[in-house]
Every structure is written in C-alpha cells, then in structure tokens.
N, C-alpha and C. Protein backbone atom coordinates (compact mmCIF):
# COMPACT_ATOMS: atom_id res chain seq x y z
N UNK A 1 4.47 24.49 -14.10
CA UNK A 1 3.59 24.34 -12.66
C UNK A 1 3.69 22.73 -12.86
N UNK A 2 3.88 22.34 -11.73
CA UNK A 2 3.85 20.84 -11.57
C UNK A 2 2.40 20.35 -11.62
N UNK A 3 1.83 18.86 -12.55
CA UNK A 3 0.68 18.91 -12.27
C UNK A 3 0.34 17.31 -12.22
N UNK A 4 -0.81 17.12 -11.89
CA UNK A 4 -1.31 15.93 -12.17
C UNK A 4 -2.91 15.69 -12.03
N UNK A 5 -3.89 14.94 -12.01
CA UNK A 5 -5.15 14.37 -11.69
C UNK A 5 -5.13 13.50 -11.29
N UNK A 6 -6.31 13.93 -10.23
CA UNK A 6 -6.30 12.85 -8.85
C UNK A 6 -7.75 12.48 -8.89
N UNK A 7 -8.03 11.60 -7.86
CA UNK A 7 -9.08 11.10 -7.30
C UNK A 7 -9.09 10.88 -5.96
N UNK A 8 -9.62 11.63 -4.70
CA UNK A 8 -9.50 11.79 -4.06
C UNK A 8 -10.29 10.58 -2.98
N UNK A 9 -9.66 10.12 -2.06
CA UNK A 9 -10.81 9.15 -1.25
C UNK A 9 -12.09 10.10 -0.87
N UNK A 10 -13.13 9.30 -0.57
CA UNK A 10 -13.52 10.19 0.67
C UNK A 10 -13.30 9.50 2.47
N UNK A 11 -14.01 10.54 3.28
CA UNK A 11 -13.90 11.02 4.29
C UNK A 11 -13.36 9.52 5.44
N UNK A 12 -14.63 8.63 4.82
CA UNK A 12 -14.73 7.33 5.45
C UNK A 12 -13.29 6.16 4.83
N UNK A 13 -12.89 6.98 3.79
CA UNK A 13 -11.75 5.91 3.39
C UNK A 13 -10.37 6.32 3.70
N UNK A 14 -10.44 7.44 4.31
CA UNK A 14 -9.30 8.16 4.78
C UNK A 14 -9.51 7.46 6.16
N UNK A 15 -10.12 7.54 6.73
CA UNK A 15 -10.75 7.10 8.63
C UNK A 15 -10.04 5.53 8.57
N UNK A 16 -10.18 5.27 7.21
CA UNK A 16 -9.53 3.07 7.25
C UNK A 16 -8.02 3.47 6.98
N UNK A 17 -7.81 4.59 6.19
CA UNK A 17 -6.40 4.43 6.13
C UNK A 17 -5.22 5.15 7.18
N UNK A 18 -5.70 5.77 7.65
CA UNK A 18 -5.55 6.22 9.34
C UNK A 18 -4.92 5.31 10.02
N UNK A 19 -6.44 4.57 10.57
CA UNK A 19 -6.45 3.24 11.36
C UNK A 19 -5.11 2.24 11.14
N UNK A 20 -4.45 2.07 9.95
CA UNK A 20 -3.17 1.60 9.43
C UNK A 20 -1.59 1.52 10.30
N UNK A 21 -1.44 0.75 10.81
CA UNK A 21 -0.17 0.64 11.77
C UNK A 21 0.60 1.99 10.93
N UNK A 22 1.64 2.95 11.47
CA UNK A 22 2.64 3.40 11.04
C UNK A 22 3.79 4.12 12.18
N UNK A 23 4.21 3.04 12.72
CA UNK A 23 5.44 2.82 13.51
C UNK A 23 6.60 3.78 13.81
N UNK A 24 6.75 4.58 13.96
CA UNK A 24 7.83 5.37 14.19
C UNK A 24 9.13 4.65 13.54
N UNK A 25 9.66 5.08 12.53
CA UNK A 25 11.36 4.40 11.97
C UNK A 25 11.72 5.54 11.55
N UNK A 26 12.84 6.00 11.69
CA UNK A 26 13.82 6.88 10.88
C UNK A 26 13.86 7.17 9.96
N UNK A 27 14.10 5.90 9.21
CA UNK A 27 14.02 5.63 7.72
C UNK A 27 12.49 6.05 6.62
N UNK A 28 11.80 6.12 7.62
CA UNK A 28 10.67 6.25 7.02
C UNK A 28 9.56 7.34 7.60
N UNK A 29 9.25 8.37 5.78
CA UNK A 29 8.55 9.42 6.32
C UNK A 29 7.21 8.94 5.87
N UNK A 30 6.46 8.96 6.89
CA UNK A 30 5.05 8.49 6.46
C UNK A 30 3.68 9.86 5.74
N UNK A 31 3.34 9.49 4.89
CA UNK A 31 2.44 10.09 3.82
C UNK A 31 1.17 10.75 5.12
N UNK A 32 0.77 11.92 4.84
CA UNK A 32 -0.55 12.86 5.46
C UNK A 32 -2.09 12.43 4.94
N UNK A 33 -2.76 12.71 5.72
CA UNK A 33 -4.15 12.54 5.55
C UNK A 33 -4.49 13.31 4.46
N UNK A 34 -4.17 14.71 4.20
CA UNK A 34 -4.28 15.39 3.30
C UNK A 34 -3.33 15.30 2.21
N UNK A 35 -2.80 14.32 2.29
CA UNK A 35 -2.06 13.48 0.49
C UNK A 35 -2.49 12.72 -0.01
N UNK A 36 -3.52 11.92 0.42
CA UNK A 36 -3.72 10.75 0.31
C UNK A 36 -4.42 11.19 -1.29
N UNK A 37 -4.59 10.38 -1.69
CA UNK A 37 -4.74 10.15 -3.30
C UNK A 37 -4.55 9.30 -4.52
N UNK A 38 -5.43 8.79 -5.59
CA UNK A 38 -4.86 8.20 -6.71
C UNK A 38 -4.57 9.16 -7.80
N UNK A 39 -3.07 9.09 -8.17
CA UNK A 39 -3.13 9.79 -9.27
C UNK A 39 -3.33 8.95 -10.87
N UNK A 40 -4.26 9.98 -11.37
CA UNK A 40 -4.82 8.89 -12.88
C UNK A 40 -3.81 9.02 -13.71
N UNK A 41 -3.45 10.39 -13.70
CA UNK A 41 -2.82 10.89 -14.58
C UNK A 41 -1.48 11.88 -14.33
N UNK A 42 -0.09 11.33 -14.40
CA UNK A 42 0.85 12.71 -13.58
C UNK A 42 0.86 13.24 -14.68
N UNK A 43 1.14 14.48 -14.98
CA UNK A 43 1.87 15.54 -15.89
C UNK A 43 2.70 16.40 -15.47
N UNK A 44 3.10 16.25 -14.30
CA UNK A 44 4.64 16.62 -14.83
C UNK A 44 4.57 18.48 -14.53
N UNK A 45 5.84 18.96 -15.53
CA UNK A 45 5.73 20.21 -16.08
C UNK A 45 4.84 20.44 -16.32
N UNK A 46 4.22 21.59 -16.87
CA UNK A 46 3.26 22.01 -17.37
C UNK A 46 2.81 23.60 -17.69
N UNK A 47 3.20 24.30 -18.73
CA UNK A 47 3.32 25.42 -18.90
C UNK A 47 1.72 25.81 -17.91
N UNK A 48 1.70 27.27 -17.80
CA UNK A 48 0.33 27.87 -17.01
C UNK A 48 -0.65 27.71 -17.61
N UNK A 49 -0.26 28.20 -19.71
CA UNK A 49 -1.25 29.06 -20.76
C UNK A 49 -1.61 27.05 -20.63
N UNK A 50 -1.77 25.98 -20.42
CA UNK A 50 -2.17 25.10 -21.04
C UNK A 50 -3.42 24.18 -19.66
N UNK A 51 -3.04 24.61 -18.39
CA UNK A 51 -3.98 24.83 -17.36
C UNK A 51 -5.65 24.86 -18.03
N UNK A 52 -6.71 25.91 -18.20
CA UNK A 52 -7.90 25.77 -18.94
C UNK A 52 -8.07 24.56 -19.94
N UNK A 53 -7.23 24.14 -20.76
CA UNK A 53 -7.16 23.13 -21.61
C UNK A 53 -7.30 21.85 -21.35
N UNK A 54 -6.26 21.83 -19.81
CA UNK A 54 -6.39 20.24 -18.56
C UNK A 54 -7.83 20.25 -18.54
N UNK A 55 -8.41 21.51 -17.99
CA UNK A 55 -9.61 21.31 -17.21
C UNK A 55 -10.70 20.90 -18.09
N UNK A 56 -10.57 21.71 -19.03
CA UNK A 56 -11.62 21.28 -20.07
C UNK A 56 -11.53 19.76 -20.07
N UNK A 57 -10.40 19.50 -20.59
CA UNK A 57 -10.02 17.79 -21.19
C UNK A 57 -10.78 16.86 -19.96
N UNK A 58 -10.88 17.84 -18.86
CA UNK A 58 -11.41 16.80 -17.20
C UNK A 58 -12.88 16.94 -17.62
N UNK A 59 -13.19 17.81 -17.72
CA UNK A 59 -15.07 17.87 -17.98
C UNK A 59 -15.21 16.84 -19.07
N UNK A 60 -15.07 17.01 -20.10
CA UNK A 60 -14.69 15.96 -21.04
C UNK A 60 -14.65 14.52 -20.46
N UNK A 61 -13.46 14.39 -20.21
CA UNK A 61 -12.97 13.04 -19.58
C UNK A 61 -14.27 12.05 -18.33
N UNK A 62 -14.57 13.57 -17.61
CA UNK A 62 -15.81 13.04 -16.40
C UNK A 62 -17.32 12.72 -16.91
N UNK A 63 -17.65 13.29 -17.92
CA UNK A 63 -18.96 13.91 -18.46
C UNK A 63 -19.25 12.05 -19.42
N UNK A 64 -17.83 11.46 -19.81
CA UNK A 64 -18.16 10.81 -21.07
C UNK A 64 -18.25 8.92 -19.60
N UNK A 65 -17.95 8.73 -18.35
CA UNK A 65 -18.23 7.74 -17.63
C UNK A 65 -19.45 7.95 -17.52
N UNK A 66 -19.91 6.35 -17.64
CA UNK A 66 -21.29 5.84 -17.45
C UNK A 66 -21.92 6.68 -15.85
N UNK A 67 -21.27 6.30 -15.03
CA UNK A 67 -21.54 6.41 -13.97
C UNK A 67 -20.08 6.01 -13.02
N UNK A 68 -20.26 7.12 -11.45
CA UNK A 68 -18.85 7.40 -10.53
C UNK A 68 -18.12 5.68 -10.87
N UNK A 69 -16.89 5.00 -11.11
CA UNK A 69 -16.53 4.06 -11.09
C UNK A 69 -16.02 3.91 -9.41
N UNK A 70 -15.86 2.80 -9.06
CA UNK A 70 -15.48 2.35 -7.77
C UNK A 70 -14.46 1.95 -7.84
N UNK A 71 -13.64 2.84 -6.76
CA UNK A 71 -12.07 2.32 -6.47
C UNK A 71 -11.77 1.56 -5.17
N UNK A 72 -11.30 0.50 -5.55
CA UNK A 72 -11.30 -0.52 -4.46
C UNK A 72 -9.84 -0.44 -3.78
N UNK A 73 -9.62 -0.33 -2.50
CA UNK A 73 -8.08 -0.78 -1.94
C UNK A 73 -8.17 -2.13 -1.96
N UNK A 74 -6.73 -2.41 -1.57
CA UNK A 74 -6.73 -3.47 -0.89
C UNK A 74 -5.99 -4.55 -1.75
N UNK A 75 -5.64 -5.42 -1.38
CA UNK A 75 -6.22 -6.43 -0.03
C UNK A 75 -5.11 -6.06 0.39
N UNK A 76 -4.34 -6.01 0.71
CA UNK A 76 -3.12 -5.34 1.86
C UNK A 76 -2.29 -4.21 1.16
N UNK A 77 -1.41 -4.03 1.90
CA UNK A 77 -0.05 -2.84 1.90
C UNK A 77 0.56 -3.28 0.74
N UNK A 78 1.65 -3.12 0.08
CA UNK A 78 2.39 -3.54 -0.87
C UNK A 78 3.84 -2.53 -0.91
N UNK A 79 5.26 -2.83 -0.74
CA UNK A 79 6.19 -2.43 -1.30
C UNK A 79 6.62 -1.67 -2.38
N UNK A 80 6.51 -1.00 -3.19
CA UNK A 80 7.06 -0.76 -4.30
C UNK A 80 8.28 -0.22 -4.63
N UNK A 81 9.10 -1.02 -5.74
CA UNK A 81 10.51 -1.15 -4.93
C UNK A 81 10.69 -0.96 -3.78
N UNK A 82 12.04 -0.73 -3.31
CA UNK A 82 12.40 -0.36 -2.06
C UNK A 82 12.46 0.87 -1.28
N UNK A 83 11.46 1.74 -2.31
CA UNK A 83 11.69 3.04 -1.45
C UNK A 83 10.05 3.48 -1.34
N UNK A 84 9.31 2.73 -1.37
CA UNK A 84 7.78 3.24 -1.10
C UNK A 84 6.29 2.02 -0.42
N UNK A 85 5.96 2.72 0.02
CA UNK A 85 5.00 1.75 0.51
C UNK A 85 3.28 2.38 0.17
N UNK A 86 2.61 1.38 -0.55
CA UNK A 86 1.48 1.37 -0.74
C UNK A 86 -0.24 0.83 -0.68
N UNK A 87 -0.95 1.42 -0.81
CA UNK A 87 -2.51 0.26 -0.55
C UNK A 87 -2.58 0.95 -2.59
N UNK A 88 -2.91 -1.03 -3.29
CA UNK A 88 -2.83 -0.88 -4.32
C UNK A 88 -4.50 -0.33 -4.34
N UNK A 89 -4.84 0.53 -5.74
CA UNK A 89 -5.92 0.80 -5.80
C UNK A 89 -6.81 0.08 -6.94
N UNK A 90 -7.70 -0.68 -7.04
CA UNK A 90 -8.51 -0.96 -8.47
C UNK A 90 -9.91 -0.13 -8.94
N UNK A 91 -10.07 -0.54 -9.89
CA UNK A 91 -11.09 -0.24 -10.67
C UNK A 91 -11.77 0.98 -11.43
N UNK A 92 -9.87 1.60 -11.28
CA UNK A 92 -9.79 3.32 -12.17
C UNK A 92 -9.24 2.93 -13.17
N UNK A 93 -8.71 1.93 -13.79
CA UNK A 93 -8.13 1.73 -14.98
C UNK A 93 -8.99 2.56 -16.18
N UNK A 94 -9.79 2.24 -16.55
CA UNK A 94 -11.28 2.84 -17.46
C UNK A 94 -10.93 4.58 -17.26
N UNK A 95 -11.03 4.88 -16.37
CA UNK A 95 -11.44 5.94 -15.61
C UNK A 95 -9.90 7.14 -16.15
N UNK A 96 -8.81 6.81 -16.18
CA UNK A 96 -7.69 6.58 -16.43
C UNK A 96 -6.60 6.78 -17.75
N UNK A 97 -7.27 5.87 -18.72
CA UNK A 97 -6.85 5.91 -19.64
C UNK A 97 -8.06 6.79 -20.41
N UNK A 98 -9.37 6.87 -20.37
CA UNK A 98 -10.04 8.14 -20.68
C UNK A 98 -9.28 9.44 -20.63
N UNK A 99 -8.98 9.42 -19.40
CA UNK A 99 -8.83 11.20 -18.73
C UNK A 99 -7.55 11.55 -19.81
N UNK A 100 -6.31 10.28 -19.96
CA UNK A 100 -5.44 10.49 -20.17
C UNK A 100 -5.07 11.15 -21.70
N UNK A 101 -6.54 10.31 -22.49
CA UNK A 101 -6.72 10.28 -23.77
C UNK A 101 -7.42 11.83 -24.14
N UNK A 102 -8.45 12.29 -23.51
CA UNK A 102 -8.94 14.03 -23.61
C UNK A 102 -7.54 14.54 -23.19
N UNK A 103 -6.59 14.50 -22.18
CA UNK A 103 -5.76 15.31 -21.98
C UNK A 103 -4.83 15.50 -23.26
N UNK A 104 -4.34 14.29 -24.11
CA UNK A 104 -3.70 14.21 -24.91
C UNK A 104 -4.27 14.81 -26.51
N UNK A 105 -5.64 14.66 -26.24
CA UNK A 105 -6.58 15.44 -27.74
C UNK A 105 -6.42 16.76 -27.32
N UNK A 106 -6.51 17.05 -26.26
CA UNK A 106 -6.55 18.76 -25.84
C UNK A 106 -5.07 19.18 -26.13
N UNK A 107 -4.26 18.63 -26.29
CA UNK A 107 -2.79 19.08 -26.87
C UNK A 107 -2.15 18.99 -25.09
N UNK A 108 -2.84 18.58 -24.19
CA UNK A 108 -1.51 19.07 -22.69
C UNK A 108 -0.82 18.19 -22.96
N UNK A 109 0.76 18.59 -22.53
CA UNK A 109 1.97 17.75 -22.45
C UNK A 109 2.73 18.24 -21.90
N UNK A 110 3.58 17.34 -21.15
CA UNK A 110 4.28 17.76 -20.51
C UNK A 110 5.47 18.65 -21.29
N UNK A 111 6.12 19.59 -20.36
CA UNK A 111 7.23 20.78 -21.40
C UNK A 111 8.17 19.96 -20.78
N UNK A 112 8.74 19.12 -19.97
CA UNK A 112 9.88 18.29 -19.89
C UNK A 112 10.34 17.30 -20.60
N UNK A 113 9.22 16.48 -21.23
CA UNK A 113 8.68 15.08 -21.48
C UNK A 113 7.64 14.69 -22.21
N UNK A 114 7.36 15.40 -23.09
CA UNK A 114 5.65 15.20 -23.92
C UNK A 114 5.85 13.54 -24.20
N UNK A 115 6.53 12.52 -24.59
CA UNK A 115 6.78 11.15 -25.14
C UNK A 115 6.45 10.52 -23.53
N UNK A 116 7.03 11.04 -22.72
CA UNK A 116 6.82 10.36 -21.47
C UNK A 116 5.43 9.23 -21.07
N UNK A 117 5.26 7.77 -20.94
CA UNK A 117 4.32 7.14 -20.63
C UNK A 117 3.90 5.72 -19.78
N UNK A 118 3.78 6.72 -18.74
CA UNK A 118 4.11 5.59 -17.75
C UNK A 118 2.66 5.18 -17.21
N UNK A 119 2.62 4.06 -17.44
CA UNK A 119 1.23 2.87 -17.16
C UNK A 119 1.21 3.40 -15.91
N UNK A 120 -0.35 3.36 -15.64
CA UNK A 120 -1.31 3.60 -14.54
C UNK A 120 -1.29 2.79 -13.51
N UNK A 121 -0.93 2.64 -12.69
CA UNK A 121 -0.42 2.03 -11.69
C UNK A 121 -1.43 2.38 -9.82
N UNK A 122 -2.98 1.73 -10.06
CA UNK A 122 -3.41 2.95 -9.27
C UNK A 122 -3.16 2.57 -7.66
N UNK A 123 -3.27 3.30 -6.95
CA UNK A 123 -2.40 2.88 -5.21
C UNK A 123 -2.54 4.63 -4.71
N UNK A 124 -2.13 4.21 -3.09
CA UNK A 124 -2.34 5.06 -2.47
C UNK A 124 -1.33 5.01 -2.13
N UNK A 125 -0.44 6.41 -1.96
CA UNK A 125 1.40 6.12 -1.12
C UNK A 125 1.30 6.44 0.50
N UNK A 126 1.49 5.16 1.15
CA UNK A 126 1.81 5.52 2.53
C UNK A 126 2.56 6.15 3.40
N UNK A 127 4.09 5.94 2.40
CA UNK A 127 5.32 6.10 3.13
C UNK A 127 6.34 5.72 2.26
N UNK A 128 7.36 6.98 2.51
CA UNK A 128 8.29 6.81 1.65
C UNK A 128 9.97 6.87 2.57
N UNK A 129 10.96 6.30 2.09
CA UNK A 129 11.97 5.68 2.24
C UNK A 129 12.74 7.01 2.50
N UNK A 130 13.50 7.41 3.22
CA UNK A 130 13.92 8.79 3.57
C UNK A 130 15.71 8.39 2.98
N UNK A 131 16.44 9.50 2.55
CA UNK A 131 17.82 9.43 2.04
C UNK A 131 18.50 8.08 1.71
N UNK A 132 17.67 7.73 0.81
CA UNK A 132 18.29 6.57 -0.21
C UNK A 132 17.72 5.28 0.13
N UNK A 133 17.04 5.27 1.48
CA UNK A 133 17.14 3.85 2.34
C UNK A 133 16.14 3.21 1.85
N UNK A 134 15.86 1.97 2.34
CA UNK A 134 14.34 1.00 2.65
C UNK A 134 13.31 1.38 3.54
N UNK A 135 12.10 1.32 2.65
CA UNK A 135 11.07 0.52 3.33
C UNK A 135 10.86 -0.54 3.43
N UNK A 136 11.34 -0.86 5.35
CA UNK A 136 11.22 -1.95 5.34
C UNK A 136 10.04 -3.31 5.40
N UNK A 137 10.63 -4.30 5.13
CA UNK A 137 9.99 -5.40 4.16
C UNK A 137 8.43 -5.70 5.05
N UNK A 138 8.64 -5.21 6.25
CA UNK A 138 7.54 -5.92 6.90
C UNK A 138 6.71 -4.95 7.18
N UNK A 139 6.56 -3.92 6.63
CA UNK A 139 5.84 -2.84 6.69
C UNK A 139 4.60 -3.39 5.59
N UNK A 140 5.02 -4.42 4.46
CA UNK A 140 3.86 -4.65 3.60
C UNK A 140 2.84 -5.90 3.70
N UNK A 141 2.30 -6.39 3.38
CA UNK A 141 1.03 -7.06 3.68
C UNK A 141 -0.16 -6.91 5.01
N UNK A 142 0.06 -5.51 5.57
CA UNK A 142 -0.84 -5.48 6.29
C UNK A 142 -2.35 -5.12 5.58
N UNK A 143 -3.22 -6.13 5.88
CA UNK A 143 -4.72 -6.16 5.71
C UNK A 143 -5.69 -4.92 5.31
N UNK A 144 -5.94 -4.62 4.32
CA UNK A 144 -6.39 -3.18 4.67
C UNK A 144 -8.08 -3.38 3.32
N UNK A 145 -9.05 -3.27 3.41
CA UNK A 145 -10.37 -2.87 2.50
C UNK A 145 -10.65 -2.15 2.42
N UNK A 146 -11.73 -1.55 1.26
CA UNK A 146 -12.08 -0.53 1.83
C UNK A 146 -12.99 0.15 -0.33
N UNK A 147 -13.79 0.85 -0.12
CA UNK A 147 -14.20 1.72 -1.41
C UNK A 147 -14.74 2.48 -1.55
N UNK A 148 -14.61 3.41 -2.68
CA UNK A 148 -16.10 4.68 -2.72
C UNK A 148 -15.59 4.83 -4.05
N UNK A 149 -17.00 5.31 -4.28
CA UNK A 149 -17.69 5.64 -5.80
C UNK A 149 -16.78 7.43 -6.30
N UNK A 150 -15.65 7.18 -7.02
CA UNK A 150 -15.14 8.24 -7.29
C UNK A 150 -15.91 9.74 -8.35
N UNK A 151 -16.34 10.36 -7.74
CA UNK A 151 -17.73 11.69 -8.15
C UNK A 151 -16.46 12.37 -9.11
N UNK A 152 -15.75 13.33 -9.12
CA UNK A 152 -15.09 13.51 -9.82
C UNK A 152 -13.69 13.47 -10.33
N UNK A 153 -13.02 13.95 -11.02
CA UNK A 153 -11.63 13.72 -10.99
C UNK A 153 -11.18 15.52 -10.77
N UNK A 154 -9.74 15.39 -10.38
CA UNK A 154 -9.05 16.85 -9.87
C UNK A 154 -8.07 17.07 -10.13
N UNK A 155 -8.05 18.24 -11.37
CA UNK A 155 -6.38 19.20 -11.92
C UNK A 155 -5.66 19.31 -9.99
N UNK A 156 -4.86 18.90 -9.87
CA UNK A 156 -4.29 18.89 -8.79
C UNK A 156 -2.12 19.98 -9.07
N UNK A 157 -1.85 20.78 -8.45
CA UNK A 157 -0.87 21.00 -8.32
C UNK A 157 -0.18 20.59 -7.45
N UNK A 158 1.01 20.15 -7.67
CA UNK A 158 2.16 19.98 -6.96
C UNK A 158 2.95 20.82 -6.26
N UNK A 159 3.43 21.13 -5.05
CA UNK A 159 4.77 22.09 -4.61
C UNK A 159 5.20 21.13 -3.59
N UNK A 160 6.88 20.99 -3.91
CA UNK A 160 7.38 20.52 -3.68
C UNK A 160 8.48 21.29 -2.47
N UNK A 161 8.35 21.08 -1.32
CA UNK A 161 9.49 20.95 -0.45
C UNK A 161 10.09 20.03 0.33
N UNK A 162 11.36 20.74 1.40
CA UNK A 162 12.09 19.40 2.16
C UNK A 162 11.41 18.58 2.63
N UNK A 163 9.85 19.26 3.81
CA UNK A 163 9.34 18.28 4.42
C UNK A 163 8.60 17.05 3.21
N UNK A 164 8.02 17.74 2.68
CA UNK A 164 6.51 17.39 1.98
C UNK A 164 5.99 17.63 0.80
N UNK A 165 5.44 16.75 0.11
CA UNK A 165 4.00 17.70 -0.55
C UNK A 165 3.13 18.28 -0.59
N UNK A 166 2.89 19.67 -1.30
CA UNK A 166 1.83 19.83 -0.53
C UNK A 166 0.85 20.20 -2.39
N UNK A 167 -0.49 19.92 -1.98
CA UNK A 167 -1.40 19.65 -2.94
C UNK A 167 -2.31 21.07 -2.81
N UNK A 168 -2.84 21.48 -3.97
CA UNK A 168 -3.89 22.49 -4.23
C UNK A 168 -4.77 21.88 -5.46
N UNK A 169 -5.71 22.13 -5.57
CA UNK A 169 -7.16 21.22 -6.26
C UNK A 169 -7.22 22.52 -6.72
N UNK A 170 -6.91 22.81 -8.75
CA UNK A 170 -7.13 23.37 -9.40
C UNK A 170 -8.74 24.03 -10.47
N UNK A 171 -8.36 22.58 -10.56
CA UNK A 171 -9.72 22.31 -10.79
C UNK A 171 -10.53 21.46 -11.22
N UNK A 172 -11.84 21.22 -11.38
CA UNK A 172 -12.59 19.84 -10.52
C UNK A 172 -13.71 19.29 -11.64
N UNK A 173 -13.49 18.10 -11.79
CA UNK A 173 -15.01 18.19 -12.78
C UNK A 173 -15.66 16.59 -12.49
N UNK A 174 -16.96 17.16 -12.30
CA UNK A 174 -17.84 16.05 -11.42
C UNK A 174 -17.90 14.60 -12.48
N UNK A 175 -18.15 13.29 -12.66
CA UNK A 175 -18.74 12.44 -13.10
C UNK A 175 -20.35 11.99 -12.58
N UNK A 176 -20.77 12.15 -13.79
CA UNK A 176 -22.24 11.84 -13.80
C UNK A 176 -22.69 10.98 -12.75
N UNK A 177 -23.55 10.94 -11.94
CA UNK A 177 -24.38 9.63 -11.42
C UNK A 177 -25.45 8.88 -12.02
C-alpha cells in the first residue's frame, strides 16, 4: 500500500487556504480541502505487514516531541518546478526528521526503494499541472500566512485514481501538549 506520514491543517487554516484565488485554467488541477496536508515522511509502497511497526514508530516520535510544533504557512504561494503550486510550511523540520528516524529504527522501509532519501520541504500542494504542462508563473506570489499547532502525526494511505488522490488516515499518534 502507498503510505505517507502527514500533519493535517486545522479548520481555521483550511479556511485561509480555501480563500486563495483558484482561477479556472484548463492546464491546472486544483487540490481540494480534504487533500491539504503536509507530508512529513513519504514512504511510498510499503508492505501491509509493516503498518503496525509504522504506527508504533509514530507513537514514539509523537511522544518525544516536547510540545506540538507550530506549523507556519507562507509567506506566499510558490511554483515547485514547472508542475506544482505550493504554500511553503515552516516549523516542522525537527518533527519530520524525528519521525523519519523512528520509522527507520522500526525497520519500516519502502518496498520499491528503501534507500530513497528525499529531503523534507514542508508545503501544502494547491495545484498540479495537467498533461505535462506548466502551472502558470502568475499563480505564484499570492500572499498567505497562517499557523497551527501540530497535535498529531497521521499515517495515511494514498489511493491514486485518474481524477485525484484519495487519502485515508489509518493510524494517528497524539503529540503531547
């Protein structure tokens, strides 16, 4: 199954994201509020029998956090490469690193590439280009600021279909306050 560890924004932050301009552009597919998250660790294809170890690793990583870290959006939308429009999210580097370390210590590895090591770049994806096109550069630079305390780590299953990704939280670990 395709898995990642996520931090979901609060309802208040979702309202801020929903207020951003979303012009109708044929080459752009906008993400929806139920898709808005920060990927702390992308696991990719993982054997189903590793899910309990992954959930336990999240519990350890969450318990080791001194307090819920503050995720901060902004200061503006950015293009990531040619095909993505993001809102950067700061404040979660330590939590992402600790979570990745606990997952590695628990032996949770990607079945397709256990050596894959993408650096963490906190963000919420707002839009993707369709059909190999580019997200228009004019969409970048829209000011946006908000923040929320990340109170939990979620192990999320991602199912891809032609229209969009669908996410299901399969385990959650609370960060102590």
